[in-house]
Amino acid sequence: MRQPAVFFGHGSPMNALGGPFGAAWRELGEAVGKPRGVVMISAHWETRGLGVTAQDRPETIHDFGNFPRELREFQYPAPGSPELAARVAELTGAVQTEQWGLDHGTRSVLSHVWPEADVPVVQLSLNRDLTARQHYELAKALRPLRDEGILIAGSGDFVHNLRTWKREAGAEPYAWATGFNEAVKHAFRVGDHEALIDWVDLAEDAQLSVPTDEHYLPVLYVAAQQGAGESVSFFNDLIDGGSISMTGVRIG
């Protein structure tokens, strides 16, 4: 069965332990069922050159500091898939590696989507040698996987400006954050991938929303899966702390 492509706004690592966004992630898992595997592109694995995780049992990566012990000890023991990693390598030229695992961009969301940790997951790295357009073109190579029972996923945030993040609950979003978030959604709705690739011109003050692009680039891997006339829907559509977008996208 053809699988969807999904972008997750993952926000704080603390979301792995619960919070207001997990319900929508669980609902997504119930709606899509269990694919044969997942290829995840996370904001938190940046490399020179392209890598794909290839171990049977990827470790849980605790790629953060200054968080509670409960989070540092959190495990998401989903299996890997050397077979899927080899297929991804065949399609993209990625080097298979065991030098990474499941980072918080991956496990914070998938621990809610499939809490039984029974869906195989491989991560494809963000190659920092590529331009935004090259990331998008690379992502097209993953398209056949959707018809092989594999869900393509990206994890980051449309808007990710930690310097302006407000700690108080229910903080009002900045106007520039809302504007950029809505511009990304509109581009998905109308299938305007050129606008998503050239994100600097997508909305006024775009670079306030994307001061560094690692959380935005996974958007392009999901956009590249969108076929003509394919359905688009959004979930967790809000901005946390004024400047972190939690908006998720489902294609198909």
C-alpha atoms as a PDB file:
ATOM      1  CA  MET A   1       0.000   0.000   0.000  1.00  0.00           C
ATOM      2  CA  ARG A   2       1.267   3.470  -0.901  1.00  0.00           C
ATOM      3  CA  GLN A   3       2.421   5.274   2.222  1.00  0.00           C
ATOM      4  CA  PRO A   4       2.087   8.978   3.024  1.00  0.00           C
ATOM      5  CA  ALA A   5       4.922  11.431   3.531  1.00  0.00           C
ATOM      6  CA  VAL A   6       4.862  13.339   6.814  1.00  0.00           C
ATOM      7  CA  PHE A   7       6.644  16.366   8.228  1.00  0.00           C
ATOM      8  CA  PHE A   8       6.722  16.685  12.026  1.00  0.00           C
ATOM      9  CA  GLY A   9       7.258  19.949  13.873  1.00  0.00           C
ATOM     10  CA  HIS A  10       9.101  18.358  16.795  1.00  0.00           C
ATOM     11  CA  GLY A  11       9.860  21.283  19.126  1.00  0.00           C
ATOM     12  CA  SER A  12      11.431  20.558  22.510  1.00  0.00           C
ATOM     13  CA  PRO A  13      13.036  17.192  23.403  1.00  0.00           C
ATOM     14  CA  MET A  14      10.635  17.188  26.369  1.00  0.00           C
ATOM     15  CA  ASN A  15       7.815  16.307  23.991  1.00  0.00           C
ATOM     16  CA  ALA A  16       9.034  12.724  24.148  1.00  0.00           C
ATOM     17  CA  LEU A  17       7.649  12.540  27.689  1.00  0.00           C
ATOM     18  CA  GLY A  18       4.182  13.873  26.882  1.00  0.00           C
ATOM     19  CA  GLY A  19       2.695  17.321  26.541  1.00  0.00           C
ATOM     20  CA  PRO A  20       0.057  18.845  24.270  1.00  0.00           C
ATOM     21  CA  PHE A  21       1.363  17.601  20.915  1.00  0.00           C
ATOM     22  CA  GLY A  22       1.495  13.856  21.498  1.00  0.00           C
ATOM     23  CA  ALA A  23      -2.226  13.297  20.945  1.00  0.00           C
ATOM     24  CA  ALA A  24      -2.056  14.418  17.310  1.00  0.00           C
ATOM     25  CA  TRP A  25       1.026  12.274  16.731  1.00  0.00           C
ATOM     26  CA  ARG A  26      -0.758   9.252  18.199  1.00  0.00           C
ATOM     27  CA  GLU A  27      -3.813   9.936  16.039  1.00  0.00           C
ATOM     28  CA  LEU A  28      -1.579  10.034  12.990  1.00  0.00           C
ATOM     29  CA  GLY A  29      -0.126   6.649  13.866  1.00  0.00           C
ATOM     30  CA  GLU A  30      -3.587   5.182  14.287  1.00  0.00           C
ATOM     31  CA  ALA A  31      -4.676   6.651  10.949  1.00  0.00           C
ATOM     32  CA  VAL A  32      -1.739   5.450   8.838  1.00  0.00           C
ATOM     33  CA  GLY A  33      -1.260   2.091  10.550  1.00  0.00           C
ATOM     34  CA  LYS A  34       2.160   0.467  10.528  1.00  0.00           C
ATOM     35  CA  PRO A  35       4.283   0.813   7.397  1.00  0.00           C
ATOM     36  CA  ARG A  36       7.025  -1.621   6.475  1.00  0.00           C
ATOM     37  CA  GLY A  37       9.526   0.997   7.611  1.00  0.00           C
ATOM     38  CA  VAL A  38      10.302   4.689   7.965  1.00  0.00           C
ATOM     39  CA  VAL A  39      13.008   6.843   6.414  1.00  0.00           C
ATOM     40  CA  MET A  40      13.444   9.868   8.676  1.00  0.00           C
ATOM     41  CA  ILE A  41      15.314  13.056   7.829  1.00  0.00           C
ATOM     42  CA  SER A  42      15.913  14.887  11.106  1.00  0.00           C
ATOM     43  CA  ALA A  43      17.268  18.367  11.746  1.00  0.00           C
ATOM     44  CA  HIS A  44      19.607  16.834  14.306  1.00  0.00           C
ATOM     45  CA  TRP A  45      21.861  14.745  12.080  1.00  0.00           C
ATOM     46  CA  GLU A  46      24.046  16.970   9.920  1.00  0.00           C
ATOM     47  CA  THR A  47      27.010  15.517   8.021  1.00  0.00           C
ATOM     48  CA  ARG A  48      29.526  16.262   5.287  1.00  0.00           C
ATOM     49  CA  GLY A  49      28.474  13.792   2.639  1.00  0.00           C
ATOM     50  CA  LEU A  50      25.345  11.662   2.904  1.00  0.00           C
ATOM     51  CA  GLY A  51      24.819   8.905   5.449  1.00  0.00           C
ATOM     52  CA  VAL A  52      22.082   6.417   6.317  1.00  0.00           C
ATOM     53  CA  THR A  53      21.859   4.402   9.541  1.00  0.00           C
ATOM     54  CA  ALA A  54      22.267   0.700   8.842  1.00  0.00           C
ATOM     55  CA  GLN A  55      22.294  -1.148  12.166  1.00  0.00           C
ATOM     56  CA  ASP A  56      19.755  -3.729  13.353  1.00  0.00           C
ATOM     57  CA  ARG A  57      19.292  -1.943  16.691  1.00  0.00           C
ATOM     58  CA  PRO A  58      19.990   1.793  16.519  1.00  0.00           C
ATOM     59  CA  GLU A  59      20.834   3.415  19.820  1.00  0.00           C
ATOM     60  CA  THR A  60      18.793   6.229  21.310  1.00  0.00           C
ATOM     61  CA  ILE A  61      20.846   9.404  20.834  1.00  0.00           C
ATOM     62  CA  HIS A  62      20.659  11.931  23.674  1.00  0.00           C
ATOM     63  CA  ASP A  63      21.788  14.932  21.670  1.00  0.00           C
ATOM     64  CA  PHE A  64      21.092  17.664  24.223  1.00  0.00           C
ATOM     65  CA  GLY A  65      22.014  18.878  27.693  1.00  0.00           C
ATOM     66  CA  ASN A  66      20.413  20.567  30.715  1.00  0.00           C
ATOM     67  CA  PHE A  67      17.274  18.440  30.675  1.00  0.00           C
ATOM     68  CA  PRO A  68      15.780  16.234  33.421  1.00  0.00           C
ATOM     69  CA  ARG A  69      17.240  12.824  34.195  1.00  0.00           C
ATOM     70  CA  GLU A  70      14.002  11.194  33.048  1.00  0.00           C
ATOM     71  CA  LEU A  71      14.592  12.522  29.542  1.00  0.00           C
ATOM     72  CA  ARG A  72      18.284  11.634  29.505  1.00  0.00           C
ATOM     73  CA  GLU A  73      17.334   8.049  30.376  1.00  0.00           C
ATOM     74  CA  PHE A  74      14.465   7.852  27.868  1.00  0.00           C
ATOM     75  CA  GLN A  75      14.818   5.036  25.336  1.00  0.00           C
ATOM     76  CA  TYR A  76      12.986   4.371  22.072  1.00  0.00           C
ATOM     77  CA  PRO A  77      14.113   0.870  21.074  1.00  0.00           C
ATOM     78  CA  ALA A  78      12.666   0.763  17.546  1.00  0.00           C
ATOM     79  CA  PRO A  79      14.518  -1.630  15.258  1.00  0.00           C
ATOM     80  CA  GLY A  80      16.622  -0.487  12.354  1.00  0.00           C
ATOM     81  CA  SER A  81      16.634  -2.153   8.964  1.00  0.00           C
ATOM     82  CA  PRO A  82      19.882  -2.907   7.139  1.00  0.00           C
ATOM     83  CA  GLU A  83      17.737  -3.979   4.172  1.00  0.00           C
ATOM     84  CA  LEU A  84      15.992  -0.592   4.020  1.00  0.00           C
ATOM     85  CA  ALA A  85      19.294   1.221   4.558  1.00  0.00           C
ATOM     86  CA  ALA A  86      20.750  -0.644   1.574  1.00  0.00           C
ATOM     87  CA  ARG A  87      17.741   0.361  -0.540  1.00  0.00           C
ATOM     88  CA  VAL A  88      18.121   4.009   0.486  1.00  0.00           C
ATOM     89  CA  ALA A  89      21.824   3.819  -0.335  1.00  0.00           C
ATOM     90  CA  GLU A  90      20.978   2.369  -3.744  1.00  0.00           C
ATOM     91  CA  LEU A  91      18.571   5.222  -4.496  1.00  0.00           C
ATOM     92  CA  THR A  92      20.594   8.116  -3.093  1.00  0.00           C
ATOM     93  CA  GLY A  93      24.249   7.093  -2.972  1.00  0.00           C
ATOM     94  CA  ALA A  94      24.291   7.459   0.824  1.00  0.00           C
ATOM     95  CA  VAL A  95      27.035   5.731   2.799  1.00  0.00           C
ATOM     96  CA  GLN A  96      25.694   3.121   5.215  1.00  0.00           C
ATOM     97  CA  THR A  97      26.872   3.736   8.769  1.00  0.00           C
ATOM     98  CA  GLU A  98      26.407   2.621  12.364  1.00  0.00           C
ATOM     99  CA  GLN A  99      27.804   5.885  13.752  1.00  0.00           C
ATOM    100  CA  TRP A 100      24.388   7.413  14.545  1.00  0.00           C
ATOM    101  CA  GLY A 101      21.046   6.241  15.913  1.00  0.00           C
ATOM    102  CA  LEU A 102      17.647   7.781  16.660  1.00  0.00           C
ATOM    103  CA  ASP A 103      18.067  11.402  17.723  1.00  0.00           C
ATOM    104  CA  HIS A 104      15.467  13.541  19.467  1.00  0.00           C
ATOM    105  CA  GLY A 105      14.008  14.834  16.208  1.00  0.00           C
ATOM    106  CA  THR A 106      13.089  11.239  15.436  1.00  0.00           C
ATOM    107  CA  ARG A 107      12.245   9.604  18.741  1.00  0.00           C
ATOM    108  CA  SER A 108      10.388  12.564  20.308  1.00  0.00           C
ATOM    109  CA  VAL A 109       7.665  12.147  17.706  1.00  0.00           C
ATOM    110  CA  LEU A 110       7.810   8.458  16.765  1.00  0.00           C
ATOM    111  CA  SER A 111       7.561   7.392  20.406  1.00  0.00           C
ATOM    112  CA  HIS A 112       4.002   8.749  20.216  1.00  0.00           C
ATOM    113  CA  VAL A 113       3.218   7.686  16.637  1.00  0.00           C
ATOM    114  CA  TRP A 114       4.220   4.065  17.291  1.00  0.00           C
ATOM    115  CA  PRO A 115       4.662   3.734  21.064  1.00  0.00           C
ATOM    116  CA  GLU A 116       5.270  -0.014  20.775  1.00  0.00           C
ATOM    117  CA  ALA A 117       8.541   0.798  18.947  1.00  0.00           C
ATOM    118  CA  ASP A 118       7.796  -1.948  16.435  1.00  0.00           C
ATOM    119  CA  VAL A 119       8.219  -0.089  13.119  1.00  0.00           C
ATOM    120  CA  PRO A 120      11.767  -0.183  11.642  1.00  0.00           C
ATOM    121  CA  VAL A 121      13.397   3.243  11.337  1.00  0.00           C
ATOM    122  CA  VAL A 122      16.429   4.425   9.411  1.00  0.00           C
ATOM    123  CA  GLN A 123      17.708   7.997   9.412  1.00  0.00           C
ATOM    124  CA  LEU A 124      19.051   9.775   6.342  1.00  0.00           C
ATOM    125  CA  SER A 125      21.436  12.584   7.220  1.00  0.00           C
ATOM    126  CA  LEU A 126      21.319  16.228   6.156  1.00  0.00           C
ATOM    127  CA  ASN A 127      24.304  16.652   3.866  1.00  0.00           C
ATOM    128  CA  ARG A 128      25.646  20.139   4.623  1.00  0.00           C
ATOM    129  CA  ASP A 129      27.447  20.255   1.266  1.00  0.00           C
ATOM    130  CA  LEU A 130      24.112  20.633  -0.571  1.00  0.00           C
ATOM    131  CA  THR A 131      22.041  23.697  -1.413  1.00  0.00           C
ATOM    132  CA  ALA A 132      18.314  23.796  -0.659  1.00  0.00           C
ATOM    133  CA  ARG A 133      17.562  22.905  -4.282  1.00  0.00           C
ATOM    134  CA  GLN A 134      19.961  19.980  -4.161  1.00  0.00           C
ATOM    135  CA  HIS A 135      18.270  18.687  -1.010  1.00  0.00           C
ATOM    136  CA  TYR A 136      14.931  18.824  -2.829  1.00  0.00           C
ATOM    137  CA  GLU A 137      16.302  17.033  -5.896  1.00  0.00           C
ATOM    138  CA  LEU A 138      17.925  14.372  -3.721  1.00  0.00           C
ATOM    139  CA  ALA A 139      14.615  13.808  -1.945  1.00  0.00           C
ATOM    140  CA  LYS A 140      12.938  12.922  -5.252  1.00  0.00           C
ATOM    141  CA  ALA A 141      15.071   9.780  -5.334  1.00  0.00           C
ATOM    142  CA  LEU A 142      13.129   8.500  -2.313  1.00  0.00           C
ATOM    143  CA  ARG A 143       9.762   8.563  -4.111  1.00  0.00           C
ATOM    144  CA  PRO A 144       9.710   4.864  -5.111  1.00  0.00           C
ATOM    145  CA  LEU A 145       9.852   3.861  -1.449  1.00  0.00           C
ATOM    146  CA  ARG A 146       6.295   5.053  -0.785  1.00  0.00           C
ATOM    147  CA  ASP A 147       5.032   2.326  -3.127  1.00  0.00           C
ATOM    148  CA  GLU A 148       7.225  -0.205  -1.333  1.00  0.00           C
ATOM    149  CA  GLY A 149       5.449   0.299   2.003  1.00  0.00           C
ATOM    150  CA  ILE A 150       7.890   2.890   3.366  1.00  0.00           C
ATOM    151  CA  LEU A 151       6.811   6.147   5.005  1.00  0.00           C
ATOM    152  CA  ILE A 152       9.035   9.150   4.225  1.00  0.00           C
ATOM    153  CA  ALA A 153       9.251  11.576   7.146  1.00  0.00           C
ATOM    154  CA  GLY A 154      10.984  14.836   7.986  1.00  0.00           C
ATOM    155  CA  SER A 155      11.390  16.314  11.448  1.00  0.00           C
ATOM    156  CA  GLY A 156      12.236  19.938  12.195  1.00  0.00           C
ATOM    157  CA  ASP A 157      10.195  23.150  12.473  1.00  0.00           C
ATOM    158  CA  PHE A 158       8.916  25.601   9.841  1.00  0.00           C
ATOM    159  CA  VAL A 159       9.853  28.372  12.277  1.00  0.00           C
ATOM    160  CA  HIS A 160      12.737  27.802  14.686  1.00  0.00           C
ATOM    161  CA  ASN A 161      14.191  30.830  16.462  1.00  0.00           C
ATOM    162  CA  LEU A 162      15.352  29.887  19.952  1.00  0.00           C
ATOM    163  CA  ARG A 163      16.781  33.341  20.624  1.00  0.00           C
ATOM    164  CA  THR A 164      13.291  34.866  20.600  1.00  0.00           C
ATOM    165  CA  TRP A 165      11.453  31.958  22.257  1.00  0.00           C
ATOM    166  CA  LYS A 166       9.260  32.936  25.226  1.00  0.00           C
ATOM    167  CA  ARG A 167       9.048  30.599  28.201  1.00  0.00           C
ATOM    168  CA  GLU A 168       5.588  31.562  29.403  1.00  0.00           C
ATOM    169  CA  ALA A 169       2.715  29.215  28.521  1.00  0.00           C
ATOM    170  CA  GLY A 170       0.375  30.468  25.835  1.00  0.00           C
ATOM    171  CA  ALA A 171       2.791  33.146  24.617  1.00  0.00           C
ATOM    172  CA  GLU A 172       1.519  35.146  21.658  1.00  0.00           C
ATOM    173  CA  PRO A 173       3.239  34.236  18.366  1.00  0.00           C
ATOM    174  CA  TYR A 174       5.337  36.901  16.729  1.00  0.00           C
ATOM    175  CA  ALA A 175       3.701  38.306  13.596  1.00  0.00           C
ATOM    176  CA  TRP A 176       6.711  37.316  11.494  1.00  0.00           C
ATOM    177  CA  ALA A 177       6.514  33.730  12.773  1.00  0.00           C
ATOM    178  CA  THR A 178       2.821  33.454  11.957  1.00  0.00           C
ATOM    179  CA  GLY A 179       3.391  34.984   8.528  1.00  0.00           C
ATOM    180  CA  PHE A 180       6.131  32.542   7.598  1.00  0.00           C
ATOM    181  CA  ASN A 181       4.230  29.572   8.987  1.00  0.00           C
ATOM    182  CA  GLU A 182       1.184  30.473   6.897  1.00  0.00           C
ATOM    183  CA  ALA A 183       3.311  31.015   3.793  1.00  0.00           C
ATOM    184  CA  VAL A 184       4.784  27.511   4.097  1.00  0.00           C
ATOM    185  CA  LYS A 185       1.314  26.028   4.527  1.00  0.00           C
ATOM    186  CA  HIS A 186       0.014  27.911   1.493  1.00  0.00           C
ATOM    187  CA  ALA A 187       2.906  26.673  -0.645  1.00  0.00           C
ATOM    188  CA  PHE A 188       2.070  23.093   0.342  1.00  0.00           C
ATOM    189  CA  ARG A 189      -1.618  23.602  -0.390  1.00  0.00           C
ATOM    190  CA  VAL A 190      -0.984  24.839  -3.922  1.00  0.00           C
ATOM    191  CA  GLY A 191       2.042  22.623  -4.602  1.00  0.00           C
ATOM    192  CA  ASP A 192       4.412  25.572  -5.040  1.00  0.00           C
ATOM    193  CA  HIS A 193       7.664  23.784  -4.346  1.00  0.00           C
ATOM    194  CA  GLU A 194       9.743  26.539  -5.912  1.00  0.00           C
ATOM    195  CA  ALA A 195       8.557  28.856  -3.158  1.00  0.00           C
ATOM    196  CA  LEU A 196       9.552  26.296  -0.520  1.00  0.00           C
ATOM    197  CA  ILE A 197      13.007  25.852  -2.050  1.00  0.00           C
ATOM    198  CA  ASP A 198      13.587  29.625  -2.259  1.00  0.00           C
ATOM    199  CA  TRP A 199      12.417  30.086   1.317  1.00  0.00           C
ATOM    200  CA  VAL A 200      14.296  33.373   1.867  1.00  0.00           C
ATOM    201  CA  ASP A 201      11.778  35.065  -0.455  1.00  0.00           C
ATOM    202  CA  LEU A 202       8.791  33.104   0.837  1.00  0.00           C
ATOM    203  CA  ALA A 203       7.629  35.703   3.366  1.00  0.00           C
ATOM    204  CA  GLU A 204       8.694  38.991   4.909  1.00  0.00           C
ATOM    205  CA  ASP A 205      11.335  38.540   7.614  1.00  0.00           C
ATOM    206  CA  ALA A 206      11.869  34.908   6.558  1.00  0.00           C
ATOM    207  CA  GLN A 207      15.333  34.882   8.101  1.00  0.00           C
ATOM    208  CA  LEU A 208      13.887  35.650  11.531  1.00  0.00           C
ATOM    209  CA  SER A 209      11.884  32.430  11.187  1.00  0.00           C
ATOM    210  CA  VAL A 210      14.832  30.481   9.771  1.00  0.00           C
ATOM    211  CA  PRO A 211      18.010  31.973  11.265  1.00  0.00           C
ATOM    212  CA  THR A 212      19.763  28.669  10.534  1.00  0.00           C
ATOM    213  CA  ASP A 213      18.281  26.213   8.057  1.00  0.00           C
ATOM    214  CA  GLU A 214      18.773  22.767   9.616  1.00  0.00           C
ATOM    215  CA  HIS A 215      15.238  22.703  11.058  1.00  0.00           C
ATOM    216  CA  TYR A 216      13.736  23.891   7.775  1.00  0.00           C
ATOM    217  CA  LEU A 217      15.522  21.621   5.294  1.00  0.00           C
ATOM    218  CA  PRO A 218      13.560  18.455   6.251  1.00  0.00           C
ATOM    219  CA  VAL A 219      10.480  20.286   4.906  1.00  0.00           C
ATOM    220  CA  LEU A 220      11.938  19.913   1.403  1.00  0.00           C
ATOM    221  CA  TYR A 221      12.243  16.128   1.721  1.00  0.00           C
ATOM    222  CA  VAL A 222       8.507  15.889   2.357  1.00  0.00           C
ATOM    223  CA  ALA A 223       7.551  18.491  -0.257  1.00  0.00           C
ATOM    224  CA  ALA A 224       9.474  16.507  -2.871  1.00  0.00           C
ATOM    225  CA  GLN A 225       7.125  13.565  -2.317  1.00  0.00           C
ATOM    226  CA  GLN A 226       4.010  15.614  -3.148  1.00  0.00           C
ATOM    227  CA  GLY A 227       2.445  14.538  -6.442  1.00  0.00           C
ATOM    228  CA  ALA A 228       0.023  16.577  -8.533  1.00  0.00           C
ATOM    229  CA  GLY A 229      -3.385  16.662  -6.872  1.00  0.00           C
ATOM    230  CA  GLU A 230      -2.196  14.718  -3.828  1.00  0.00           C
ATOM    231  CA  SER A 231      -4.018  15.623  -0.620  1.00  0.00           C
ATOM    232  CA  VAL A 232      -2.389  17.823   2.017  1.00  0.00           C
ATOM    233  CA  SER A 233      -3.448  18.178   5.646  1.00  0.00           C
ATOM    234  CA  PHE A 234      -1.942  19.817   8.737  1.00  0.00           C
ATOM    235  CA  PHE A 235      -1.797  18.874  12.414  1.00  0.00           C
ATOM    236  CA  ASN A 236      -0.493  20.477  15.637  1.00  0.00           C
ATOM    237  CA  ASP A 237      -0.859  23.740  13.759  1.00  0.00           C
ATOM    238  CA  LEU A 238       0.376  26.292  16.287  1.00  0.00           C
ATOM    239  CA  ILE A 239       3.472  28.237  17.288  1.00  0.00           C
ATOM    240  CA  ASP A 240       4.987  27.431  20.661  1.00  0.00           C
ATOM    241  CA  GLY A 241       6.676  30.147  22.717  1.00  0.00           C
ATOM    242  CA  GLY A 242       6.103  32.728  20.035  1.00  0.00           C
ATOM    243  CA  SER A 243       8.770  31.445  17.643  1.00  0.00           C
ATOM    244  CA  ILE A 244       8.799  27.615  17.359  1.00  0.00           C
ATOM    245  CA  SER A 245       6.326  26.185  14.848  1.00  0.00           C
ATOM    246  CA  MET A 246       4.853  22.809  15.781  1.00  0.00           C
ATOM    247  CA  THR A 247       2.914  22.510  12.515  1.00  0.00           C
ATOM    248  CA  GLY A 248       2.991  19.090  10.889  1.00  0.00           C
ATOM    249  CA  VAL A 249       2.096  18.160   7.307  1.00  0.00           C
ATOM    250  CA  ARG A 250       0.718  14.957   5.868  1.00  0.00           C
ATOM    251  CA  ILE A 251       0.985  14.303   2.119  1.00  0.00           C
ATOM    252  CA  GLY A 252      -1.360  11.603   0.830  1.00  0.00           C
END
